[in-house]
Each structure stands twice: as C-alpha cells, then as structure tokens.
Amino acid sequence: MKAAQQDVFAREVDDAMREDQMRTALRKYGVPAGATVIAGLLGLAGYLWHNEHQQALVGTQSETFAQALDQIEAGRIETGKDTLAPLSKTGSSGYQAAVKLTDAGILLQQRKDEAAAQIFASLAADSSAPKPFRDLATIREIAIKFDALPPSQIIDRLRPLAVPGNPWFGSAGELVAIAYLKQGKSSQAGTLLAAMAKDKTISPSLRERARQLASQLGVDAIDNAEIARVSAPQ
C-alpha cells in the first residue's frame, strides 16, 4: 500500500512539474513574443487580408497605413496614431480592423494589457470585420486573459482554430494544449502538440517547442517520414 501511495504521489508531482513547464513555456514564448512587435502582430492578418482582397490594398489607404506603421516603429507613436485616425472612420472594414489591432499592439507595448484585451474582445465580436482579423483578435484576447479564464472557455473559443489547415493552428493550438493540461487532460494536450510538431505550415520554432512539450507528456511527436528523407543517402 505504501509503495502504491508513493507511486501516486510521484505521478502527481510529475504532472504538476509538466504543467508548470508548459505554462512557463507559454509565458516565455507566447504572450511576450506577441506583445513586443506591432508589425509581428499585424503581419499574418495583413498577409491573409492581402490574399483575399488584394485590390483593396492598392491605393491611398495602403499608403497611409504603411506610413503610420513606419512612424510607430520609429517611436513616433502619437504621430502614427494621428495618421491612422482617418482610416479608423472612413477606411475599409479591413483597415478599420487593422487600426484596432495596431491600437491594441501599442497598448501591449505600454503594458496596458487590460485595455488592449478590451480592444481585442471588441474586434473579435465585430461581425463586420474580416474573419482573419477577428480570429487573430480572439487569440490575442485569450492569451492576455489566459490565467484568469476557465480552461473550458479557452478550449471552446479556440478549438475551431486549433485544427490542421487553419492558419492559426499553431498559436491557437498552443493555448488549447495548455488549457487541456490545466484540466488534467494530458493525453489530449500531447496529441494536439504532436500534431502541431508534424505540421510543416507552422513555424519551425513553434514546431520544435511543441515537439519538446509533447515529449515531456510521453507522446511521440517525431515525424518519421521527415527523418527518413533527411537520412536517405544522397
């Protein structure tokens, strides 16, 4: 009986350590990375919007937005915001959404997380905004509020995005995996992380992080086909 109790205790300690490692990884690589560079926050959404509405990006609105980003990245925050102001009222739905993302990004850089989260939440709920922007806003809102939200709510909101083939699979998948772990569902977390590790559409750094975390959970995340190609004689 004593040996069994010790085994249970050891597993509980191991599970707690794994959860701490996962949450530490999220804090270290997830939220801070998205909070420091406005251009990075907008990059993927801008790319998607460009692909879907290429013609809309040509002309005065595009030039104005690019000018504002240059000003903001140069440290002239108020000047950049003044440049963006007309787009927030008369720009296309895509540019109005992009302005909101930029405003939220500025607030994140200023460590005004709650105010930034409010903007993200507002954009996520705006049915008139393009879906790529709403999805990005949802992820950023949840990343900011992660520790205060019930894991079930995180999973419910992000699960539609945390699937292979979705452009937000990596970002949403990592948050969902952590939420699963908070629920004690290490199997679901490991399976999701393994899928992320094998998905070549995800950035190499995120794939490697997912592989390492899946391995800590005892799930094989090695892409055998990729190993075979690398190991094959030339």
Protein backbone atom coordinates (compact mmCIF):
# COMPACT_ATOMS: atom_id res chain seq x y z
CA MET A 1 0.00 0.00 0.00
CA LYS A 2 2.80 2.40 0.90
CA ALA A 3 4.53 1.76 -2.44
CA ALA A 4 1.28 2.43 -4.30
CA GLN A 5 0.78 5.69 -2.42
CA GLN A 6 4.32 6.76 -3.25
CA ASP A 7 3.70 5.93 -6.92
CA VAL A 8 0.55 8.05 -6.98
CA PHE A 9 2.39 10.90 -5.26
CA ALA A 10 5.26 10.66 -7.77
CA ARG A 11 2.84 10.84 -10.70
CA GLU A 12 1.09 13.86 -9.17
CA VAL A 13 4.41 15.64 -8.69
CA ASP A 14 5.44 14.77 -12.25
CA ASP A 15 2.13 16.04 -13.63
CA ALA A 16 2.49 19.27 -11.66
CA MET A 17 6.01 19.74 -12.97
CA ARG A 18 4.83 19.16 -16.53
CA GLU A 19 2.02 21.67 -16.13
CA ASP A 20 4.45 24.23 -14.73
CA GLN A 21 6.83 23.63 -17.64
CA MET A 22 4.04 24.10 -20.16
CA ARG A 23 2.73 27.25 -18.57
CA THR A 24 6.26 28.63 -18.22
CA ALA A 25 6.79 27.98 -21.91
CA LEU A 26 3.58 29.83 -22.71
CA ARG A 27 4.60 32.84 -20.65
CA LYS A 28 8.14 32.82 -22.03
CA TYR A 29 7.42 32.28 -25.70
CA GLY A 30 3.74 33.01 -26.24
CA VAL A 31 2.33 36.25 -24.86
CA PRO A 32 5.57 38.27 -24.62
CA ALA A 33 6.54 37.45 -28.20
CA GLY A 34 3.20 38.72 -29.48
CA ALA A 35 3.23 41.80 -27.27
CA THR A 36 6.54 43.35 -28.27
CA VAL A 37 6.33 43.97 -32.00
CA ILE A 38 3.31 45.61 -33.57
CA ALA A 39 4.39 44.61 -37.06
CA GLY A 40 4.52 40.99 -35.98
CA LEU A 41 1.03 41.23 -34.54
CA LEU A 42 -0.31 42.52 -37.83
CA GLY A 43 1.84 40.51 -40.19
CA LEU A 44 -0.14 37.33 -40.68
CA ALA A 45 -3.52 39.04 -40.63
CA GLY A 46 -2.26 41.52 -43.19
CA TYR A 47 -0.96 38.72 -45.37
CA LEU A 48 -4.31 36.91 -45.26
CA TRP A 49 -6.21 40.09 -45.99
CA HIS A 50 -3.90 40.80 -48.91
CA ASN A 51 -4.55 37.39 -50.39
CA GLU A 52 -8.32 37.70 -50.01
CA HIS A 53 -8.69 41.32 -51.02
CA GLN A 54 -5.59 42.22 -52.99
CA GLN A 55 -7.21 45.08 -54.87
CA ALA A 56 -8.36 46.72 -51.67
CA LEU A 57 -4.75 47.10 -50.55
CA VAL A 58 -3.80 49.22 -53.54
CA GLY A 59 -4.11 52.96 -53.23
CA THR A 60 -4.28 55.71 -50.64
CA GLN A 61 -5.41 53.58 -47.71
CA SER A 62 -2.47 51.23 -48.16
CA GLU A 63 -0.01 54.10 -48.34
CA THR A 64 -1.49 55.76 -45.26
CA PHE A 65 -1.37 52.57 -43.24
CA ALA A 66 2.24 51.82 -44.26
CA GLN A 67 3.25 55.37 -43.36
CA ALA A 68 1.64 55.07 -39.93
CA LEU A 69 3.39 51.78 -39.20
CA ASP A 70 6.73 53.33 -40.15
CA GLN A 71 6.08 56.19 -37.76
CA ILE A 72 5.05 53.88 -34.91
CA GLU A 73 8.01 51.56 -35.39
CA ALA A 74 10.28 54.64 -35.36
CA GLY A 75 8.93 55.52 -31.92
CA ARG A 76 6.63 58.35 -33.04
CA ILE A 77 3.58 56.74 -31.53
CA GLU A 78 1.25 59.73 -31.37
CA THR A 79 2.14 60.81 -34.90
CA GLY A 80 1.40 57.33 -36.16
CA LYS A 81 -1.94 57.24 -34.35
CA ASP A 82 -2.86 60.60 -35.88
CA THR A 83 -2.02 59.22 -39.31
CA LEU A 84 -4.24 56.20 -38.68
CA ALA A 85 -7.18 58.19 -37.33
CA PRO A 86 -8.89 58.79 -40.71
CA LEU A 87 -8.69 55.07 -41.55
CA SER A 88 -10.47 54.17 -38.32
CA LYS A 89 -13.53 56.07 -39.56
CA THR A 90 -13.51 56.04 -43.36
CA GLY A 91 -11.27 53.10 -44.22
CA SER A 92 -12.48 49.76 -45.48
CA SER A 93 -13.54 47.18 -42.92
CA GLY A 94 -10.11 45.58 -43.22
CA TYR A 95 -8.25 48.78 -42.48
CA GLN A 96 -10.56 49.70 -39.63
CA ALA A 97 -9.81 46.32 -38.10
CA ALA A 98 -6.09 46.78 -38.72
CA VAL A 99 -6.19 50.12 -36.92
CA LYS A 100 -7.79 48.44 -33.89
CA LEU A 101 -5.08 45.78 -33.89
CA THR A 102 -2.44 48.49 -34.07
CA ASP A 103 -4.01 50.41 -31.18
CA ALA A 104 -4.10 47.22 -29.12
CA GLY A 105 -0.49 46.46 -30.02
CA ILE A 106 0.58 49.89 -28.81
CA LEU A 107 -1.22 49.33 -25.52
CA LEU A 108 0.52 45.98 -25.11
CA GLN A 109 3.89 47.63 -25.62
CA GLN A 110 2.91 50.13 -22.96
CA ARG A 111 1.98 47.22 -20.67
CA LYS A 112 -1.67 48.24 -20.61
CA ASP A 113 -2.83 44.68 -21.03
CA GLU A 114 -6.40 45.12 -19.81
CA ALA A 115 -7.08 47.99 -22.21
CA ALA A 116 -5.55 46.00 -25.06
CA ALA A 117 -7.68 42.99 -24.21
CA GLN A 118 -10.81 45.14 -24.38
CA ILE A 119 -9.95 46.22 -27.93
CA PHE A 120 -9.20 42.65 -28.96
CA ALA A 121 -12.50 41.49 -27.46
CA SER A 122 -14.41 44.23 -29.28
CA LEU A 123 -12.81 43.32 -32.60
CA ALA A 124 -13.36 39.60 -32.07
CA ALA A 125 -17.08 40.27 -31.61
CA ASP A 126 -17.37 42.61 -34.61
CA SER A 127 -19.17 40.64 -37.32
CA SER A 128 -18.41 43.36 -39.89
CA ALA A 129 -14.65 42.82 -39.56
CA PRO A 130 -12.87 40.31 -41.83
CA LYS A 131 -12.62 36.87 -40.26
CA PRO A 132 -8.78 36.69 -40.22
CA PHE A 133 -8.69 39.81 -38.04
CA ARG A 134 -11.46 38.55 -35.76
CA ASP A 135 -9.67 35.24 -35.30
CA LEU A 136 -6.38 36.96 -34.50
CA ALA A 137 -8.12 39.26 -32.03
CA THR A 138 -9.71 36.26 -30.33
CA ILE A 139 -6.33 34.58 -29.88
CA ARG A 140 -4.69 37.73 -28.54
CA GLU A 141 -7.56 38.45 -26.14
CA ILE A 142 -7.40 34.94 -24.72
CA ALA A 143 -3.59 34.99 -24.49
CA ILE A 144 -3.79 38.12 -22.34
CA LYS A 145 -6.58 36.78 -20.12
CA PHE A 146 -5.32 33.19 -20.11
CA ASP A 147 -4.63 32.77 -16.40
CA ALA A 148 -7.99 34.30 -15.43
CA LEU A 149 -10.18 32.30 -17.81
CA PRO A 150 -11.63 28.84 -17.12
CA PRO A 151 -9.84 26.25 -19.28
CA SER A 152 -13.18 25.12 -20.71
CA GLN A 153 -13.87 28.61 -22.04
CA ILE A 154 -10.43 28.80 -23.64
CA ILE A 155 -10.95 25.45 -25.34
CA ASP A 156 -14.47 26.26 -26.53
CA ARG A 157 -13.41 29.54 -28.12
CA LEU A 158 -10.16 28.40 -29.69
CA ARG A 159 -10.87 24.79 -30.64
CA PRO A 160 -12.27 25.78 -34.07
CA LEU A 161 -8.94 27.47 -34.83
CA ALA A 162 -6.72 24.78 -33.29
CA VAL A 163 -7.03 22.36 -36.20
CA PRO A 164 -4.64 21.43 -39.02
CA GLY A 165 -5.22 23.57 -42.08
CA ASN A 166 -6.31 26.62 -40.12
CA PRO A 167 -3.80 29.49 -40.44
CA TRP A 168 -3.94 29.97 -36.66
CA PHE A 169 -3.37 26.30 -35.83
CA GLY A 170 -0.04 26.92 -34.11
CA SER A 171 -1.00 29.92 -31.98
CA ALA A 172 -4.43 28.61 -31.02
CA GLY A 173 -3.20 25.05 -30.60
CA GLU A 174 -0.59 26.00 -28.04
CA LEU A 175 -3.14 27.81 -25.90
CA VAL A 176 -5.63 24.95 -26.17
CA ALA A 177 -2.94 22.43 -25.21
CA ILE A 178 -2.12 24.41 -22.07
CA ALA A 179 -5.82 24.62 -21.23
CA TYR A 180 -6.17 20.85 -21.64
CA LEU A 181 -3.26 20.40 -19.26
CA LYS A 182 -4.87 22.67 -16.69
CA GLN A 183 -7.87 20.33 -16.85
CA GLY A 184 -5.59 17.35 -16.28
CA LYS A 185 -6.14 16.11 -19.84
CA SER A 186 -2.51 15.39 -20.66
CA SER A 187 -3.42 12.91 -23.38
CA GLN A 188 -5.41 15.49 -25.37
CA ALA A 189 -2.68 18.09 -24.83
CA GLY A 190 0.04 15.72 -26.01
CA THR A 191 -1.91 14.62 -29.08
CA LEU A 192 -2.55 18.22 -30.11
CA LEU A 193 1.08 19.21 -29.56
CA ALA A 194 2.26 16.21 -31.59
CA ALA A 195 0.01 17.27 -34.48
CA MET A 196 1.48 20.76 -34.29
CA ALA A 197 5.02 19.38 -34.26
CA LYS A 198 4.36 17.49 -37.51
CA ASP A 199 2.58 20.34 -39.30
CA LYS A 200 5.02 21.97 -41.71
CA THR A 201 2.84 25.04 -42.15
CA ILE A 202 3.72 26.06 -38.57
CA SER A 203 6.92 27.98 -37.90
CA PRO A 204 9.95 25.79 -37.15
CA SER A 205 10.46 27.33 -33.69
CA LEU A 206 6.87 26.62 -32.64
CA ARG A 207 7.00 23.10 -34.10
CA GLU A 208 10.16 22.36 -32.11
CA ARG A 209 8.63 23.74 -28.92
CA ALA A 210 5.51 21.62 -29.47
CA ARG A 211 7.66 18.54 -30.07
CA GLN A 212 9.59 19.06 -26.85
CA LEU A 213 6.45 19.64 -24.79
CA ALA A 214 4.71 16.62 -26.34
CA SER A 215 7.75 14.52 -25.50
CA GLN A 216 7.53 15.67 -21.88
CA LEU A 217 3.98 14.34 -21.88
CA GLY A 218 5.12 11.00 -23.23
CA VAL A 219 3.73 11.47 -26.75
CA ASP A 220 5.81 10.69 -29.82
CA ALA A 221 5.93 13.83 -31.96
CA ILE A 222 8.73 12.74 -34.28
CA ASP A 223 7.94 12.96 -37.99
CA ASN A 224 9.32 9.62 -39.19
CA ALA A 225 8.80 10.50 -42.83
CA GLU A 226 10.87 13.63 -42.42
CA ILE A 227 13.62 11.70 -40.64
CA ALA A 228 13.66 9.16 -43.46
CA ARG A 229 14.10 11.88 -46.07
CA VAL A 230 16.93 13.52 -44.15
CA SER A 231 18.65 10.18 -43.50
CA ALA A 232 18.29 8.87 -47.05
CA PRO A 233 21.57 8.58 -48.99
CA GLN A 234 22.10 11.35 -51.50
